[in-house]
Each structure stands twice: as structure tokens, then as C-alpha cells.
Amino acid sequence: MSRRPPPPPLSDAPLAPGLYLVATPIGNLRDITLRALDILSAADLVLAEDTRVTGKLLAAYGLSKTLARYDEHAGGRTAPRALALLEQGGRVALAS
């Protein structure tokens, strides 16, 4: 029986303030980059078109983040919150 090596640790380098676009897997949750996980783990707010799907992804990697819906219907309510956070020097990840 072969054992998989442990995954490398997420980066300890601080993430600069700003908006980050994060490509997320469509089917297999393991099809995500380490850089995407670094950004998601350091983000102050994660925006997602479907919070249920992105919530599952975050949970699979043990990430507990503030998650908000951002799509054509909720964008008007969510955008001011995200912009205010960015103006305060926050880090916002848009998962797509």
C-alpha cells in the first residue's frame, strides 16, 4: 500500500492588500493550485458566484473564511462591502 506524502505547507508570506481572482476547480476539488489555496487562506473576504460550492472547497482544505455571494443578482449588495474592505487595506478573493 503506497502512502501519499503530506501536502506542502501553505505559504507564510503575507498577502498584499488587494483584489485577487482565484480560479477554482469545476469537478475535482484536488484540481486547485497551491497559490489559489494561499490566497484563499489569507483573504479577509471570499466572494463566490455559488457559495455552496465554494464553501465545500474551503471546508475540504480546512479554511474558515467569510464568504459572500457575488453574481449578477447579489453584486449590488455585495460590491459596496468588498470595496469598503479594499479601501481599508483588506484582501478580497473572487473565486471563479
PDB file of N, CA and C in Angstrom:
ATOM      1  N   MET A   1       0.853  -1.164   0.000  1.00  0.00           N
ATOM      2  CA  MET A   1       0.000   0.000   0.000  1.00  0.00           C
ATOM      3  C   MET A   1       0.902   1.232   0.000  1.00  0.00           C
ATOM      4  N   SER A   2       0.729   2.124  -0.979  1.00  0.00           N
ATOM      5  CA  SER A   2       1.553   3.328  -1.032  1.00  0.00           C
ATOM      6  C   SER A   2       0.881   4.451  -0.251  1.00  0.00           C
ATOM      7  N   ARG A   3       1.718   5.230   0.382  1.00  0.00           N
ATOM      8  CA  ARG A   3       1.214   6.375   1.140  1.00  0.00           C
ATOM      9  C   ARG A   3       1.589   7.652   0.404  1.00  0.00           C
ATOM     10  N   ARG A   4       0.677   8.555   0.359  1.00  0.00           N
ATOM     11  CA  ARG A   4       0.942   9.833  -0.276  1.00  0.00           C
ATOM     12  C   ARG A   4       1.762  10.698   0.670  1.00  0.00           C
ATOM     13  N   PRO A   5       2.696  11.466   0.132  1.00  0.00           N
ATOM     14  CA  PRO A   5       3.415  12.391   1.005  1.00  0.00           C
ATOM     15  C   PRO A   5       2.475  13.503   1.441  1.00  0.00           C
ATOM     16  N   PRO A   6       2.736  14.113   2.586  1.00  0.00           N
ATOM     17  CA  PRO A   6       1.862  15.200   3.038  1.00  0.00           C
ATOM     18  C   PRO A   6       1.962  16.384   2.082  1.00  0.00           C
ATOM     19  N   PRO A   7       0.905  17.144   1.964  1.00  0.00           N
ATOM     20  CA  PRO A   7       0.964  18.310   1.076  1.00  0.00           C
ATOM     21  C   PRO A   7       1.927  19.346   1.646  1.00  0.00           C
ATOM     22  N   PRO A   8       2.515  20.153   0.787  1.00  0.00           N
ATOM     23  CA  PRO A   8       3.403  21.193   1.302  1.00  0.00           C
ATOM     24  C   PRO A   8       2.604  22.212   2.099  1.00  0.00           C
ATOM     25  N   PRO A   9       3.235  22.836   3.081  1.00  0.00           N
ATOM     26  CA  PRO A   9       2.507  23.828   3.872  1.00  0.00           C
ATOM     27  C   PRO A   9       2.139  25.029   3.023  1.00  0.00           C
ATOM     28  N   LEU A  10       1.054  25.679   3.394  1.00  0.00           N
ATOM     29  CA  LEU A  10       0.675  26.896   2.699  1.00  0.00           C
ATOM     30  C   LEU A  10       1.709  27.967   2.996  1.00  0.00           C
ATOM     31  N   SER A  11       1.841  28.913   2.111  1.00  0.00           N
ATOM     32  CA  SER A  11       2.857  29.945   2.232  1.00  0.00           C
ATOM     33  C   SER A  11       2.636  30.775   3.497  1.00  0.00           C
ATOM     34  N   ASP A  12       3.750  31.138   4.143  1.00  0.00           N
ATOM     35  CA  ASP A  12       3.685  32.025   5.308  1.00  0.00           C
ATOM     36  C   ASP A  12       3.916  33.478   4.912  1.00  0.00           C
ATOM     37  N   ALA A  13       4.229  33.718   3.642  1.00  0.00           N
ATOM     38  CA  ALA A  13       4.462  35.084   3.180  1.00  0.00           C
ATOM     39  C   ALA A  13       3.164  35.870   3.251  1.00  0.00           C
ATOM     40  N   PRO A  14       3.223  37.098   3.752  1.00  0.00           N
ATOM     41  CA  PRO A  14       1.991  37.893   3.843  1.00  0.00           C
ATOM     42  C   PRO A  14       1.457  38.234   2.456  1.00  0.00           C
ATOM     43  N   LEU A  15       0.161  38.250   2.354  1.00  0.00           N
ATOM     44  CA  LEU A  15      -0.508  38.567   1.100  1.00  0.00           C
ATOM     45  C   LEU A  15      -0.786  40.065   1.078  1.00  0.00           C
ATOM     46  N   ALA A  16      -0.342  40.738   0.040  1.00  0.00           N
ATOM     47  CA  ALA A  16      -0.544  42.181  -0.072  1.00  0.00           C
ATOM     48  C   ALA A  16      -2.033  42.495  -0.178  1.00  0.00           C
ATOM     49  N   PRO A  17      -2.448  43.642   0.311  1.00  0.00           N
ATOM     50  CA  PRO A  17      -3.851  44.038   0.174  1.00  0.00           C
ATOM     51  C   PRO A  17      -4.246  44.142  -1.293  1.00  0.00           C
ATOM     52  N   GLY A  18      -5.501  43.828  -1.591  1.00  0.00           N
ATOM     53  CA  GLY A  18      -5.989  43.965  -2.949  1.00  0.00           C
ATOM     54  C   GLY A  18      -7.039  42.939  -3.299  1.00  0.00           C
ATOM     55  N   LEU A  19      -7.449  42.982  -4.552  1.00  0.00           N
ATOM     56  CA  LEU A  19      -8.442  42.049  -5.084  1.00  0.00           C
ATOM     57  C   LEU A  19      -7.716  40.953  -5.845  1.00  0.00           C
ATOM     58  N   TYR A  20      -8.043  39.705  -5.550  1.00  0.00           N
ATOM     59  CA  TYR A  20      -7.415  38.554  -6.183  1.00  0.00           C
ATOM     60  C   TYR A  20      -8.470  37.712  -6.873  1.00  0.00           C
ATOM     61  N   LEU A  21      -8.247  37.392  -8.141  1.00  0.00           N
ATOM     62  CA  LEU A  21      -9.124  36.485  -8.871  1.00  0.00           C
ATOM     63  C   LEU A  21      -8.549  35.089  -8.715  1.00  0.00           C
ATOM     64  N   VAL A  22      -9.349  34.162  -8.221  1.00  0.00           N
ATOM     65  CA  VAL A  22      -8.878  32.814  -7.911  1.00  0.00           C
ATOM     66  C   VAL A  22      -9.641  31.799  -8.750  1.00  0.00           C
ATOM     67  N   ALA A  23      -8.896  31.096  -9.596  1.00  0.00           N
ATOM     68  CA  ALA A  23      -9.506  30.029 -10.399  1.00  0.00           C
ATOM     69  C   ALA A  23      -9.716  28.815  -9.504  1.00  0.00           C
ATOM     70  N   THR A  24     -10.936  28.316  -9.485  1.00  0.00           N
ATOM     71  CA  THR A  24     -11.250  27.164  -8.649  1.00  0.00           C
ATOM     72  C   THR A  24     -11.685  25.998  -9.522  1.00  0.00           C
ATOM     73  N   PRO A  25     -11.490  24.778  -9.034  1.00  0.00           N
ATOM     74  CA  PRO A  25     -11.826  23.604  -9.844  1.00  0.00           C
ATOM     75  C   PRO A  25     -13.322  23.475 -10.088  1.00  0.00           C
ATOM     76  N   ILE A  26     -13.640  22.926 -11.243  1.00  0.00           N
ATOM     77  CA  ILE A  26     -15.047  22.712 -11.590  1.00  0.00           C
ATOM     78  C   ILE A  26     -15.537  21.367 -11.066  1.00  0.00           C
ATOM     79  N   GLY A  27     -14.735  20.328 -11.236  1.00  0.00           N
ATOM     80  CA  GLY A  27     -15.181  18.996 -10.845  1.00  0.00           C
ATOM     81  C   GLY A  27     -14.458  18.448  -9.635  1.00  0.00           C
ATOM     82  N   ASN A  28     -13.193  18.163  -9.782  1.00  0.00           N
ATOM     83  CA  ASN A  28     -12.421  17.529  -8.720  1.00  0.00           C
ATOM     84  C   ASN A  28     -11.786  18.589  -7.818  1.00  0.00           C
ATOM     85  N   LEU A  29     -12.091  18.555  -6.526  1.00  0.00           N
ATOM     86  CA  LEU A  29     -11.571  19.556  -5.591  1.00  0.00           C
ATOM     87  C   LEU A  29     -10.049  19.565  -5.515  1.00  0.00           C
ATOM     88  N   ARG A  30      -9.412  18.475  -5.928  1.00  0.00           N
ATOM     89  CA  ARG A  30      -7.950  18.413  -5.879  1.00  0.00           C
ATOM     90  C   ARG A  30      -7.299  19.131  -7.060  1.00  0.00           C
ATOM     91  N   ASP A  31      -8.110  19.592  -8.004  1.00  0.00           N
ATOM     92  CA  ASP A  31      -7.580  20.320  -9.153  1.00  0.00           C
ATOM     93  C   ASP A  31      -7.467  21.811  -8.843  1.00  0.00           C
ATOM     94  N   ILE A  32      -6.775  22.138  -7.783  1.00  0.00           N
ATOM     95  CA  ILE A  32      -6.594  23.527  -7.374  1.00  0.00           C
ATOM     96  C   ILE A  32      -5.106  23.761  -7.177  1.00  0.00           C
ATOM     97  N   THR A  33      -4.664  24.972  -7.442  1.00  0.00           N
ATOM     98  CA  THR A  33      -3.246  25.264  -7.294  1.00  0.00           C
ATOM     99  C   THR A  33      -2.922  25.641  -5.854  1.00  0.00           C
ATOM    100  N   LEU A  34      -1.670  25.462  -5.501  1.00  0.00           N
ATOM    101  CA  LEU A  34      -1.223  25.858  -4.163  1.00  0.00           C
ATOM    102  C   LEU A  34      -1.332  27.363  -3.989  1.00  0.00           C
ATOM    103  N   ARG A  35      -1.077  28.114  -5.055  1.00  0.00           N
ATOM    104  CA  ARG A  35      -1.194  29.574  -4.983  1.00  0.00           C
ATOM    105  C   ARG A  35      -2.642  29.970  -4.695  1.00  0.00           C
ATOM    106  N   ALA A  36      -3.591  29.293  -5.308  1.00  0.00           N
ATOM    107  CA  ALA A  36      -5.003  29.586  -5.050  1.00  0.00           C
ATOM    108  C   ALA A  36      -5.333  29.328  -3.581  1.00  0.00           C
ATOM    109  N   LEU A  37      -4.802  28.245  -3.028  1.00  0.00           N
ATOM    110  CA  LEU A  37      -5.039  27.954  -1.610  1.00  0.00           C
ATOM    111  C   LEU A  37      -4.379  28.987  -0.718  1.00  0.00           C
ATOM    112  N   ASP A  38      -3.188  29.457  -1.095  1.00  0.00           N
ATOM    113  CA  ASP A  38      -2.526  30.517  -0.326  1.00  0.00           C
ATOM    114  C   ASP A  38      -3.399  31.766  -0.266  1.00  0.00           C
ATOM    115  N   ILE A  39      -3.935  32.153  -1.412  1.00  0.00           N
ATOM    116  CA  ILE A  39      -4.760  33.366  -1.476  1.00  0.00           C
ATOM    117  C   ILE A  39      -6.043  33.187  -0.683  1.00  0.00           C
ATOM    118  N   LEU A  40      -6.714  32.054  -0.864  1.00  0.00           N
ATOM    119  CA  LEU A  40      -7.954  31.815  -0.128  1.00  0.00           C
ATOM    120  C   LEU A  40      -7.715  31.787   1.380  1.00  0.00           C
ATOM    121  N   SER A  41      -6.587  31.236   1.802  1.00  0.00           N
ATOM    122  CA  SER A  41      -6.321  31.143   3.239  1.00  0.00           C
ATOM    123  C   SER A  41      -6.011  32.505   3.845  1.00  0.00           C
ATOM    124  N   ALA A  42      -5.491  33.444   3.050  1.00  0.00           N
ATOM    125  CA  ALA A  42      -5.117  34.756   3.576  1.00  0.00           C
ATOM    126  C   ALA A  42      -6.183  35.828   3.349  1.00  0.00           C
ATOM    127  N   ALA A  43      -7.191  35.533   2.555  1.00  0.00           N
ATOM    128  CA  ALA A  43      -8.209  36.533   2.214  1.00  0.00           C
ATOM    129  C   ALA A  43      -9.056  36.895   3.431  1.00  0.00           C
ATOM    130  N   ASP A  44      -9.437  38.165   3.483  1.00  0.00           N
ATOM    131  CA  ASP A  44     -10.347  38.631   4.530  1.00  0.00           C
ATOM    132  C   ASP A  44     -11.806  38.365   4.144  1.00  0.00           C
ATOM    133  N   LEU A  45     -12.054  38.288   2.849  1.00  0.00           N
ATOM    134  CA  LEU A  45     -13.397  38.050   2.329  1.00  0.00           C
ATOM    135  C   LEU A  45     -13.267  37.246   1.043  1.00  0.00           C
ATOM    136  N   VAL A  46     -14.095  36.223   0.907  1.00  0.00           N
ATOM    137  CA  VAL A  46     -14.123  35.425  -0.316  1.00  0.00           C
ATOM    138  C   VAL A  46     -15.481  35.638  -0.975  1.00  0.00           C
ATOM    139  N   LEU A  47     -15.450  36.120  -2.211  1.00  0.00           N
ATOM    140  CA  LEU A  47     -16.662  36.307  -2.993  1.00  0.00           C
ATOM    141  C   LEU A  47     -16.813  35.116  -3.933  1.00  0.00           C
ATOM    142  N   ALA A  48     -18.034  34.642  -4.099  1.00  0.00           N
ATOM    143  CA  ALA A  48     -18.256  33.477  -4.957  1.00  0.00           C
ATOM    144  C   ALA A  48     -19.628  33.552  -5.601  1.00  0.00           C
ATOM    145  N   GLU A  49     -19.701  33.076  -6.833  1.00  0.00           N
ATOM    146  CA  GLU A  49     -20.979  33.024  -7.534  1.00  0.00           C
ATOM    147  C   GLU A  49     -21.909  32.028  -6.847  1.00  0.00           C
ATOM    148  N   ASP A  50     -21.367  30.897  -6.439  1.00  0.00           N
ATOM    149  CA  ASP A  50     -22.144  29.881  -5.723  1.00  0.00           C
ATOM    150  C   ASP A  50     -21.436  29.579  -4.404  1.00  0.00           C
ATOM    151  N   THR A  51     -21.954  30.117  -3.323  1.00  0.00           N
ATOM    152  CA  THR A  51     -21.300  29.969  -2.018  1.00  0.00           C
ATOM    153  C   THR A  51     -21.338  28.530  -1.513  1.00  0.00           C
ATOM    154  N   ARG A  52     -22.295  27.744  -1.956  1.00  0.00           N
ATOM    155  CA  ARG A  52     -22.347  26.348  -1.514  1.00  0.00           C
ATOM    156  C   ARG A  52     -21.161  25.572  -2.059  1.00  0.00           C
ATOM    157  N   VAL A  53     -20.864  25.756  -3.338  1.00  0.00           N
ATOM    158  CA  VAL A  53     -19.753  25.055  -3.971  1.00  0.00           C
ATOM    159  C   VAL A  53     -18.420  25.541  -3.395  1.00  0.00           C
ATOM    160  N   THR A  54     -18.258  26.849  -3.293  1.00  0.00           N
ATOM    161  CA  THR A  54     -17.012  27.396  -2.757  1.00  0.00           C
ATOM    162  C   THR A  54     -16.871  27.045  -1.277  1.00  0.00           C
ATOM    163  N   GLY A  55     -17.972  26.999  -0.562  1.00  0.00           N
ATOM    164  CA  GLY A  55     -17.934  26.584   0.848  1.00  0.00           C
ATOM    165  C   GLY A  55     -17.415  25.165   1.003  1.00  0.00           C
ATOM    166  N   LYS A  56     -17.823  24.278   0.108  1.00  0.00           N
ATOM    167  CA  LYS A  56     -17.325  22.895   0.138  1.00  0.00           C
ATOM    168  C   LYS A  56     -15.825  22.857  -0.129  1.00  0.00           C
ATOM    169  N   LEU A  57     -15.366  23.674  -1.067  1.00  0.00           N
ATOM    170  CA  LEU A  57     -13.943  23.738  -1.377  1.00  0.00           C
ATOM    171  C   LEU A  57     -13.152  24.231  -0.168  1.00  0.00           C
ATOM    172  N   LEU A  58     -13.620  25.297   0.452  1.00  0.00           N
ATOM    173  CA  LEU A  58     -12.936  25.831   1.628  1.00  0.00           C
ATOM    174  C   LEU A  58     -12.910  24.800   2.752  1.00  0.00           C
ATOM    175  N   ALA A  59     -14.030  24.140   2.969  1.00  0.00           N
ATOM    176  CA  ALA A  59     -14.104  23.132   4.031  1.00  0.00           C
ATOM    177  C   ALA A  59     -13.171  21.957   3.761  1.00  0.00           C
ATOM    178  N   ALA A  60     -13.045  21.562   2.497  1.00  0.00           N
ATOM    179  CA  ALA A  60     -12.184  20.434   2.141  1.00  0.00           C
ATOM    180  C   ALA A  60     -10.729  20.709   2.498  1.00  0.00           C
ATOM    181  N   TYR A  61     -10.341  21.986   2.505  1.00  0.00           N
ATOM    182  CA  TYR A  61      -8.964  22.351   2.829  1.00  0.00           C
ATOM    183  C   TYR A  61      -8.838  22.986   4.214  1.00  0.00           C
ATOM    184  N   GLY A  62      -9.890  22.871   5.019  1.00  0.00           N
ATOM    185  CA  GLY A  62      -9.841  23.355   6.387  1.00  0.00           C
ATOM    186  C   GLY A  62      -9.765  24.863   6.517  1.00  0.00           C
ATOM    187  N   LEU A  63     -10.332  25.577   5.559  1.00  0.00           N
ATOM    188  CA  LEU A  63     -10.300  27.037   5.576  1.00  0.00           C
ATOM    189  C   LEU A  63     -11.654  27.578   6.029  1.00  0.00           C
ATOM    190  N   SER A  64     -11.629  28.401   7.033  1.00  0.00           N
ATOM    191  CA  SER A  64     -12.845  29.031   7.537  1.00  0.00           C
ATOM    192  C   SER A  64     -12.761  30.517   7.206  1.00  0.00           C
ATOM    193  N   LYS A  65     -13.540  30.946   6.240  1.00  0.00           N
ATOM    194  CA  LYS A  65     -13.467  32.316   5.744  1.00  0.00           C
ATOM    195  C   LYS A  65     -14.844  32.939   5.664  1.00  0.00           C
ATOM    196  N   THR A  66     -14.882  34.275   5.708  1.00  0.00           N
ATOM    197  CA  THR A  66     -16.117  34.991   5.450  1.00  0.00           C
ATOM    198  C   THR A  66     -16.409  34.853   3.966  1.00  0.00           C
ATOM    199  N   LEU A  67     -17.565  34.324   3.655  1.00  0.00           N
ATOM    200  CA  LEU A  67     -17.940  34.008   2.287  1.00  0.00           C
ATOM    201  C   LEU A  67     -19.197  34.791   1.929  1.00  0.00           C
ATOM    202  N   ALA A  68     -19.167  35.467   0.787  1.00  0.00           N
ATOM    203  CA  ALA A  68     -20.325  36.249   0.346  1.00  0.00           C
ATOM    204  C   ALA A  68     -20.642  35.926  -1.105  1.00  0.00           C
ATOM    205  N   ARG A  69     -21.917  35.935  -1.412  1.00  0.00           N
ATOM    206  CA  ARG A  69     -22.367  35.661  -2.782  1.00  0.00           C
ATOM    207  C   ARG A  69     -22.112  36.888  -3.648  1.00  0.00           C
ATOM    208  N   TYR A  70     -21.537  36.641  -4.820  1.00  0.00           N
ATOM    209  CA  TYR A  70     -21.300  37.732  -5.767  1.00  0.00           C
ATOM    210  C   TYR A  70     -21.646  37.240  -7.163  1.00  0.00           C
ATOM    211  N   ASP A  71     -22.785  37.670  -7.651  1.00  0.00           N
ATOM    212  CA  ASP A  71     -23.232  37.336  -9.002  1.00  0.00           C
ATOM    213  C   ASP A  71     -24.076  38.500  -9.502  1.00  0.00           C
ATOM    214  N   GLU A  72     -24.712  38.337 -10.642  1.00  0.00           N
ATOM    215  CA  GLU A  72     -25.470  39.441 -11.219  1.00  0.00           C
ATOM    216  C   GLU A  72     -26.640  39.895 -10.341  1.00  0.00           C
ATOM    217  N   HIS A  73     -27.127  39.028  -9.477  1.00  0.00           N
ATOM    218  CA  HIS A  73     -28.256  39.382  -8.621  1.00  0.00           C
ATOM    219  C   HIS A  73     -27.817  39.968  -7.281  1.00  0.00           C
ATOM    220  N   ALA A  74     -26.751  39.456  -6.715  1.00  0.00           N
ATOM    221  CA  ALA A  74     -26.303  39.892  -5.389  1.00  0.00           C
ATOM    222  C   ALA A  74     -25.162  40.900  -5.446  1.00  0.00           C
ATOM    223  N   GLY A  75     -24.608  41.129  -6.614  1.00  0.00           N
ATOM    224  CA  GLY A  75     -23.457  42.019  -6.746  1.00  0.00           C
ATOM    225  C   GLY A  75     -23.713  43.419  -6.222  1.00  0.00           C
ATOM    226  N   GLY A  76     -24.902  43.940  -6.451  1.00  0.00           N
ATOM    227  CA  GLY A  76     -25.239  45.283  -5.974  1.00  0.00           C
ATOM    228  C   GLY A  76     -25.199  45.410  -4.465  1.00  0.00           C
ATOM    229  N   ARG A  77     -25.500  44.329  -3.762  1.00  0.00           N
ATOM    230  CA  ARG A  77     -25.468  44.345  -2.298  1.00  0.00           C
ATOM    231  C   ARG A  77     -24.071  44.030  -1.765  1.00  0.00           C
ATOM    232  N   THR A  78     -23.334  43.210  -2.492  1.00  0.00           N
ATOM    233  CA  THR A  78     -22.041  42.730  -2.015  1.00  0.00           C
ATOM    234  C   THR A  78     -20.891  43.669  -2.373  1.00  0.00           C
ATOM    235  N   ALA A  79     -20.972  44.307  -3.524  1.00  0.00           N
ATOM    236  CA  ALA A  79     -19.871  45.151  -4.009  1.00  0.00           C
ATOM    237  C   ALA A  79     -19.491  46.264  -3.032  1.00  0.00           C
ATOM    238  N   PRO A  80     -20.440  47.007  -2.442  1.00  0.00           N
ATOM    239  CA  PRO A  80     -20.042  48.069  -1.521  1.00  0.00           C
ATOM    240  C   PRO A  80     -19.246  47.547  -0.314  1.00  0.00           C
ATOM    241  N   ARG A  81     -19.616  46.396   0.182  1.00  0.00           N
ATOM    242  CA  ARG A  81     -18.890  45.782   1.307  1.00  0.00           C
ATOM    243  C   ARG A  81     -17.463  45.431   0.894  1.00  0.00           C
ATOM    244  N   ALA A  82     -17.317  44.815  -0.283  1.00  0.00           N
ATOM    245  CA  ALA A  82     -15.990  44.429  -0.771  1.00  0.00           C
ATOM    246  C   ALA A  82     -15.140  45.665  -1.042  1.00  0.00           C
ATOM    247  N   LEU A  83     -15.714  46.696  -1.653  1.00  0.00           N
ATOM    248  CA  LEU A  83     -14.973  47.918  -1.943  1.00  0.00           C
ATOM    249  C   LEU A  83     -14.525  48.622  -0.671  1.00  0.00           C
ATOM    250  N   ALA A  84     -15.397  48.648   0.335  1.00  0.00           N
ATOM    251  CA  ALA A  84     -15.024  49.265   1.613  1.00  0.00           C
ATOM    252  C   ALA A  84     -13.860  48.511   2.247  1.00  0.00           C
ATOM    253  N   LEU A  85     -13.889  47.207   2.183  1.00  0.00           N
ATOM    254  CA  LEU A  85     -12.802  46.397   2.734  1.00  0.00           C
ATOM    255  C   LEU A  85     -11.499  46.669   1.976  1.00  0.00           C
ATOM    256  N   LEU A  86     -11.574  46.776   0.660  1.00  0.00           N
ATOM    257  CA  LEU A  86     -10.384  47.074  -0.138  1.00  0.00           C
ATOM    258  C   LEU A  86      -9.826  48.458   0.196  1.00  0.00           C
ATOM    259  N   GLU A  87     -10.703  49.434   0.402  1.00  0.00           N
ATOM    260  CA  GLU A  87     -10.264  50.782   0.762  1.00  0.00           C
ATOM    261  C   GLU A  87      -9.562  50.808   2.115  1.00  0.00           C
ATOM    262  N   GLN A  88      -9.920  49.880   2.986  1.00  0.00           N
ATOM    263  CA  GLN A  88      -9.301  49.784   4.312  1.00  0.00           C
ATOM    264  C   GLN A  88      -8.034  48.942   4.295  1.00  0.00           C
ATOM    265  N   GLY A  89      -7.602  48.495   3.105  1.00  0.00           N
ATOM    266  CA  GLY A  89      -6.391  47.693   3.006  1.00  0.00           C
ATOM    267  C   GLY A  89      -6.617  46.209   3.169  1.00  0.00           C
ATOM    268  N   GLY A  90      -7.823  45.760   2.913  1.00  0.00           N
ATOM    269  CA  GLY A  90      -8.151  44.345   3.046  1.00  0.00           C
ATOM    270  C   GLY A  90      -7.781  43.548   1.819  1.00  0.00           C
ATOM    271  N   ARG A  91      -7.952  42.239   1.945  1.00  0.00           N
ATOM    272  CA  ARG A  91      -7.669  41.297   0.851  1.00  0.00           C
ATOM    273  C   ARG A  91      -8.971  40.581   0.504  1.00  0.00           C
ATOM    274  N   VAL A  92      -9.390  40.722  -0.740  1.00  0.00           N
ATOM    275  CA  VAL A  92     -10.638  40.126  -1.203  1.00  0.00           C
ATOM    276  C   VAL A  92     -10.307  39.139  -2.322  1.00  0.00           C
ATOM    277  N   ALA A  93     -10.821  37.931  -2.191  1.00  0.00           N
ATOM    278  CA  ALA A  93     -10.628  36.900  -3.217  1.00  0.00           C
ATOM    279  C   ALA A  93     -11.959  36.673  -3.929  1.00  0.00           C
ATOM    280  N   LEU A  94     -11.926  36.738  -5.250  1.00  0.00           N
ATOM    281  CA  LEU A  94     -13.103  36.432  -6.056  1.00  0.00           C
ATOM    282  C   LEU A  94     -12.894  35.058  -6.657  1.00  0.00           C
ATOM    283  N   ALA A  95     -13.589  34.066  -6.111  1.00  0.00           N
ATOM    284  CA  ALA A  95     -13.447  32.675  -6.574  1.00  0.00           C
ATOM    285  C   ALA A  95     -14.331  32.474  -7.786  1.00  0.00           C
ATOM    286  N   SER A  96     -13.725  31.922  -8.839  1.00  0.00           N
ATOM    287  CA  SER A  96     -14.477  31.730 -10.079  1.00  0.00           C
ATOM    288  C   SER A  96     -14.126  30.390 -10.681  1.00  0.00           C
TER     289      SER A  96
END
